[in-house]
Amino acid sequence: MVIQKNCEFVTDSSTPIVSKVFPNATGDALTLQITGTDGVYHLEGRNNRQGEWVSLAGINLSDFSAVRGGFTKAGMYEIGIMGVRELRVRVESTLGSVSIFG
C-alpha cells in the first residue's frame, strides 16, 4: 500500500458542514477515521465536476460490517474509491465535535 494523500476533511466541527473537495487520480481505497461524537457523516464521491455527489458505502474495520447511508459512529472505515475522481465529506448531523481524516 502506498499513501497517495492525507485528506483532512473535517476538524473539530460541531455543526453540519461540507468539506473541501479532494481530487483522486490514482487511489483505489480510502481509510476514513472518524473521531468524536455520533452523528451522520457521508463520504461522497463523483466522477466529474458536473456529476451528482453520491454517498459511498464502506466497511467498519473493527467488526467488518457493511455501512451504507452514512457513517454514524466514531471508528475506522475502508471505502473503495477506484474510479472516483473527487471526494468530500458531508456532515449531515453531529451530537458534538467531530474530526474526519482520510
N, C-alpha and C. Protein backbone atom coordinates (compact mmCIF):
# COMPACT_ATOMS: atom_id res chain seq x y z
N MET A 1 0.84 -1.18 0.00
CA MET A 1 0.00 0.00 0.00
C MET A 1 0.88 1.24 0.00
N VAL A 2 0.50 2.20 -0.79
CA VAL A 2 1.18 3.48 -0.85
C VAL A 2 0.20 4.57 -0.48
N ILE A 3 0.56 5.41 0.48
CA ILE A 3 -0.31 6.53 0.85
C ILE A 3 -0.16 7.61 -0.21
N GLN A 4 -1.25 7.89 -0.93
CA GLN A 4 -1.23 8.88 -2.00
C GLN A 4 -1.35 10.30 -1.46
N LYS A 5 -2.22 10.48 -0.45
CA LYS A 5 -2.51 11.81 0.05
C LYS A 5 -3.19 11.72 1.40
N ASN A 6 -2.91 12.66 2.28
CA ASN A 6 -3.65 12.79 3.52
C ASN A 6 -4.78 13.79 3.29
N CYS A 7 -5.98 13.42 3.70
CA CYS A 7 -7.15 14.27 3.49
C CYS A 7 -7.75 14.64 4.84
N GLU A 8 -7.56 15.86 5.26
CA GLU A 8 -8.16 16.35 6.50
C GLU A 8 -9.51 16.95 6.11
N PHE A 9 -10.54 16.12 6.13
CA PHE A 9 -11.87 16.53 5.67
C PHE A 9 -12.53 17.51 6.64
N VAL A 10 -12.58 17.15 7.92
CA VAL A 10 -13.28 17.95 8.93
C VAL A 10 -12.44 17.97 10.19
N THR A 11 -12.30 19.15 10.79
CA THR A 11 -11.53 19.29 12.03
C THR A 11 -12.39 19.97 13.10
N ASP A 12 -12.70 19.25 14.15
CA ASP A 12 -13.44 19.78 15.31
C ASP A 12 -14.68 20.59 14.92
N SER A 13 -15.54 20.00 14.12
CA SER A 13 -16.78 20.66 13.74
C SER A 13 -17.92 20.17 14.62
N SER A 14 -18.77 21.09 15.03
CA SER A 14 -19.95 20.71 15.82
C SER A 14 -21.24 21.11 15.11
N THR A 15 -21.15 21.46 13.83
CA THR A 15 -22.32 21.84 13.04
C THR A 15 -22.26 21.13 11.69
N PRO A 16 -23.39 21.01 11.01
CA PRO A 16 -23.36 20.44 9.65
C PRO A 16 -22.43 21.26 8.75
N ILE A 17 -21.65 20.56 7.94
CA ILE A 17 -20.64 21.21 7.10
C ILE A 17 -20.33 20.29 5.92
N VAL A 18 -19.87 20.89 4.83
CA VAL A 18 -19.37 20.13 3.69
C VAL A 18 -17.90 20.48 3.56
N SER A 19 -17.05 19.47 3.50
CA SER A 19 -15.60 19.69 3.42
C SER A 19 -15.21 20.21 2.04
N LYS A 20 -13.97 20.61 1.93
CA LYS A 20 -13.44 20.95 0.61
C LYS A 20 -13.34 19.66 -0.21
N VAL A 21 -13.21 19.81 -1.50
CA VAL A 21 -13.14 18.66 -2.42
C VAL A 21 -11.69 18.23 -2.58
N PHE A 22 -11.45 16.92 -2.49
CA PHE A 22 -10.13 16.36 -2.70
C PHE A 22 -10.12 15.56 -4.00
N PRO A 23 -9.19 15.84 -4.91
CA PRO A 23 -9.11 15.07 -6.15
C PRO A 23 -8.51 13.69 -5.89
N ASN A 24 -8.90 12.72 -6.72
CA ASN A 24 -8.35 11.37 -6.64
C ASN A 24 -7.97 10.93 -8.05
N ALA A 25 -6.69 10.85 -8.31
CA ALA A 25 -6.22 10.45 -9.63
C ALA A 25 -5.78 8.98 -9.67
N THR A 26 -5.28 8.46 -8.55
CA THR A 26 -4.69 7.12 -8.59
C THR A 26 -5.09 6.20 -7.44
N GLY A 27 -5.79 6.70 -6.43
CA GLY A 27 -6.13 5.86 -5.28
C GLY A 27 -7.25 4.88 -5.58
N ASP A 28 -7.19 3.70 -4.95
CA ASP A 28 -8.26 2.72 -5.14
C ASP A 28 -8.98 2.38 -3.84
N ALA A 29 -8.44 2.82 -2.70
CA ALA A 29 -9.09 2.60 -1.41
C ALA A 29 -8.78 3.78 -0.50
N LEU A 30 -9.73 4.09 0.37
CA LEU A 30 -9.55 5.17 1.34
C LEU A 30 -9.88 4.63 2.72
N THR A 31 -9.00 4.86 3.68
CA THR A 31 -9.28 4.54 5.07
C THR A 31 -9.71 5.84 5.73
N LEU A 32 -10.91 5.84 6.28
CA LEU A 32 -11.51 7.03 6.88
C LEU A 32 -11.54 6.83 8.39
N GLN A 33 -11.04 7.82 9.14
CA GLN A 33 -11.11 7.75 10.59
C GLN A 33 -11.99 8.88 11.10
N ILE A 34 -13.01 8.50 11.85
CA ILE A 34 -13.93 9.45 12.46
C ILE A 34 -13.65 9.47 13.95
N THR A 35 -13.37 10.66 14.48
CA THR A 35 -13.05 10.84 15.89
C THR A 35 -14.03 11.85 16.47
N GLY A 36 -14.67 11.49 17.55
CA GLY A 36 -15.60 12.41 18.19
C GLY A 36 -16.92 11.75 18.48
N THR A 37 -17.99 12.51 18.34
CA THR A 37 -19.31 12.06 18.75
C THR A 37 -20.07 11.39 17.61
N ASP A 38 -21.16 10.74 17.98
CA ASP A 38 -22.03 10.12 16.99
C ASP A 38 -22.73 11.19 16.17
N GLY A 39 -23.15 10.82 14.98
CA GLY A 39 -23.84 11.72 14.08
C GLY A 39 -24.11 10.98 12.78
N VAL A 40 -24.30 11.72 11.70
CA VAL A 40 -24.44 11.12 10.38
C VAL A 40 -23.45 11.81 9.46
N TYR A 41 -22.48 11.03 8.98
CA TYR A 41 -21.37 11.56 8.19
C TYR A 41 -21.31 10.79 6.87
N HIS A 42 -21.25 11.51 5.76
CA HIS A 42 -21.21 10.89 4.44
C HIS A 42 -19.88 11.17 3.77
N LEU A 43 -19.22 10.11 3.29
CA LEU A 43 -18.13 10.29 2.34
C LEU A 43 -18.79 10.25 0.98
N GLU A 44 -18.64 11.33 0.21
CA GLU A 44 -19.31 11.43 -1.08
C GLU A 44 -18.28 11.47 -2.20
N GLY A 45 -18.65 10.94 -3.34
CA GLY A 45 -17.76 10.93 -4.49
C GLY A 45 -18.52 11.20 -5.77
N ARG A 46 -17.75 11.59 -6.79
CA ARG A 46 -18.32 11.76 -8.13
C ARG A 46 -17.20 11.60 -9.15
N ASN A 47 -17.59 11.34 -10.41
CA ASN A 47 -16.62 11.10 -11.47
C ASN A 47 -16.25 12.34 -12.25
N ASN A 48 -17.12 13.33 -12.28
CA ASN A 48 -16.79 14.58 -12.98
C ASN A 48 -17.43 15.75 -12.26
N ARG A 49 -16.96 16.94 -12.57
CA ARG A 49 -17.41 18.13 -11.84
C ARG A 49 -18.87 18.46 -12.04
N GLN A 50 -19.48 17.96 -13.10
CA GLN A 50 -20.89 18.21 -13.33
C GLN A 50 -21.77 17.11 -12.75
N GLY A 51 -21.15 16.03 -12.26
CA GLY A 51 -21.90 14.88 -11.75
C GLY A 51 -22.49 15.13 -10.37
N GLU A 52 -23.48 14.31 -10.05
CA GLU A 52 -24.10 14.36 -8.73
C GLU A 52 -23.18 13.71 -7.69
N TRP A 53 -23.17 14.24 -6.49
CA TRP A 53 -22.44 13.62 -5.39
C TRP A 53 -23.22 12.40 -4.92
N VAL A 54 -22.49 11.29 -4.68
CA VAL A 54 -23.09 10.03 -4.25
C VAL A 54 -22.46 9.63 -2.92
N SER A 55 -23.28 9.25 -1.95
CA SER A 55 -22.78 8.77 -0.66
C SER A 55 -22.21 7.37 -0.85
N LEU A 56 -20.95 7.18 -0.45
CA LEU A 56 -20.26 5.90 -0.66
C LEU A 56 -20.41 5.00 0.56
N ALA A 57 -20.50 3.71 0.33
CA ALA A 57 -20.58 2.71 1.39
C ALA A 57 -19.18 2.30 1.80
N GLY A 58 -19.06 1.70 2.97
CA GLY A 58 -17.75 1.26 3.45
C GLY A 58 -17.85 0.06 4.37
N ILE A 59 -16.70 -0.36 4.85
CA ILE A 59 -16.59 -1.49 5.77
C ILE A 59 -16.02 -0.97 7.09
N ASN A 60 -16.71 -1.28 8.19
CA ASN A 60 -16.23 -0.93 9.52
C ASN A 60 -15.06 -1.86 9.83
N LEU A 61 -13.88 -1.30 10.07
CA LEU A 61 -12.69 -2.12 10.28
C LEU A 61 -12.64 -2.78 11.66
N SER A 62 -13.51 -2.40 12.58
CA SER A 62 -13.50 -3.05 13.89
C SER A 62 -14.28 -4.36 13.90
N ASP A 63 -15.30 -4.47 13.04
CA ASP A 63 -16.08 -5.71 13.02
C ASP A 63 -16.43 -6.19 11.60
N PHE A 64 -15.93 -5.52 10.59
CA PHE A 64 -16.12 -5.87 9.18
C PHE A 64 -17.59 -5.83 8.73
N SER A 65 -18.40 -5.03 9.40
CA SER A 65 -19.79 -4.86 8.97
C SER A 65 -19.86 -3.81 7.86
N ALA A 66 -20.84 -3.97 6.98
CA ALA A 66 -21.06 -3.00 5.91
C ALA A 66 -21.79 -1.78 6.45
N VAL A 67 -21.40 -0.62 5.94
CA VAL A 67 -22.03 0.64 6.35
C VAL A 67 -22.55 1.32 5.10
N ARG A 68 -23.85 1.61 5.08
CA ARG A 68 -24.49 2.28 3.95
C ARG A 68 -25.34 3.43 4.48
N GLY A 69 -25.51 4.46 3.66
CA GLY A 69 -26.38 5.57 4.05
C GLY A 69 -25.76 6.51 5.06
N GLY A 70 -24.46 6.47 5.21
CA GLY A 70 -23.76 7.36 6.12
C GLY A 70 -23.14 6.61 7.29
N PHE A 71 -22.05 7.16 7.78
CA PHE A 71 -21.35 6.60 8.93
C PHE A 71 -21.91 7.28 10.17
N THR A 72 -22.20 6.51 11.22
CA THR A 72 -22.87 7.08 12.39
C THR A 72 -22.06 6.99 13.69
N LYS A 73 -20.96 6.29 13.67
CA LYS A 73 -20.15 6.10 14.88
C LYS A 73 -18.69 6.44 14.61
N ALA A 74 -17.99 6.84 15.65
CA ALA A 74 -16.55 7.04 15.55
C ALA A 74 -15.90 5.69 15.25
N GLY A 75 -14.80 5.72 14.50
CA GLY A 75 -14.10 4.48 14.18
C GLY A 75 -13.34 4.62 12.88
N MET A 76 -12.83 3.47 12.40
CA MET A 76 -12.10 3.43 11.13
C MET A 76 -12.87 2.61 10.12
N TYR A 77 -12.90 3.11 8.88
CA TYR A 77 -13.67 2.50 7.82
C TYR A 77 -12.83 2.43 6.55
N GLU A 78 -13.05 1.40 5.76
CA GLU A 78 -12.37 1.24 4.47
C GLU A 78 -13.42 1.42 3.37
N ILE A 79 -13.10 2.28 2.39
CA ILE A 79 -14.03 2.59 1.31
C ILE A 79 -13.32 2.42 -0.02
N GLY A 80 -13.95 1.69 -0.94
CA GLY A 80 -13.41 1.56 -2.29
C GLY A 80 -13.67 2.84 -3.07
N ILE A 81 -12.59 3.41 -3.66
CA ILE A 81 -12.74 4.67 -4.40
C ILE A 81 -12.15 4.56 -5.82
N MET A 82 -11.96 3.33 -6.31
CA MET A 82 -11.43 3.17 -7.66
C MET A 82 -12.40 3.80 -8.66
N GLY A 83 -11.90 4.68 -9.49
CA GLY A 83 -12.72 5.36 -10.49
C GLY A 83 -13.44 6.59 -9.99
N VAL A 84 -13.38 6.86 -8.69
CA VAL A 84 -13.99 8.07 -8.13
C VAL A 84 -12.98 9.20 -8.22
N ARG A 85 -13.31 10.26 -8.94
CA ARG A 85 -12.34 11.33 -9.23
C ARG A 85 -12.30 12.43 -8.19
N GLU A 86 -13.41 12.67 -7.48
CA GLU A 86 -13.44 13.72 -6.46
C GLU A 86 -14.14 13.19 -5.22
N LEU A 87 -13.63 13.59 -4.05
CA LEU A 87 -14.16 13.14 -2.77
C LEU A 87 -14.41 14.33 -1.85
N ARG A 88 -15.41 14.19 -1.02
CA ARG A 88 -15.67 15.18 0.03
C ARG A 88 -16.42 14.49 1.16
N VAL A 89 -16.47 15.13 2.32
CA VAL A 89 -17.27 14.65 3.44
C VAL A 89 -18.37 15.66 3.71
N ARG A 90 -19.56 15.14 3.92
CA ARG A 90 -20.69 15.99 4.30
C ARG A 90 -21.17 15.55 5.69
N VAL A 91 -21.10 16.47 6.64
CA VAL A 91 -21.61 16.22 7.98
C VAL A 91 -23.09 16.59 7.95
N GLU A 92 -23.94 15.58 7.99
CA GLU A 92 -25.39 15.82 7.97
C GLU A 92 -25.87 16.28 9.34
N SER A 93 -25.39 15.61 10.38
CA SER A 93 -25.72 15.99 11.76
C SER A 93 -24.64 15.44 12.68
N THR A 94 -24.46 16.09 13.80
CA THR A 94 -23.49 15.63 14.80
C THR A 94 -24.00 16.00 16.19
N LEU A 95 -23.71 15.14 17.16
CA LEU A 95 -24.15 15.38 18.53
C LEU A 95 -23.12 16.15 19.33
N GLY A 96 -22.01 16.53 18.70
CA GLY A 96 -20.94 17.27 19.36
C GLY A 96 -19.84 17.54 18.36
N SER A 97 -18.62 17.56 18.83
CA SER A 97 -17.48 17.85 17.97
C SER A 97 -17.00 16.58 17.26
N VAL A 98 -16.66 16.72 15.97
CA VAL A 98 -16.19 15.58 15.20
C VAL A 98 -15.02 16.01 14.31
N SER A 99 -14.07 15.10 14.10
CA SER A 99 -12.98 15.28 13.15
C SER A 99 -12.98 14.04 12.24
N ILE A 100 -12.76 14.27 10.93
CA ILE A 100 -12.77 13.17 9.97
C ILE A 100 -11.55 13.30 9.07
N PHE A 101 -10.75 12.23 9.06
CA PHE A 101 -9.46 12.23 8.35
C PHE A 101 -9.40 11.01 7.44
N GLY A 102 -8.84 11.20 6.26
CA GLY A 102 -8.68 10.09 5.32
C GLY A 102 -7.26 9.93 4.86
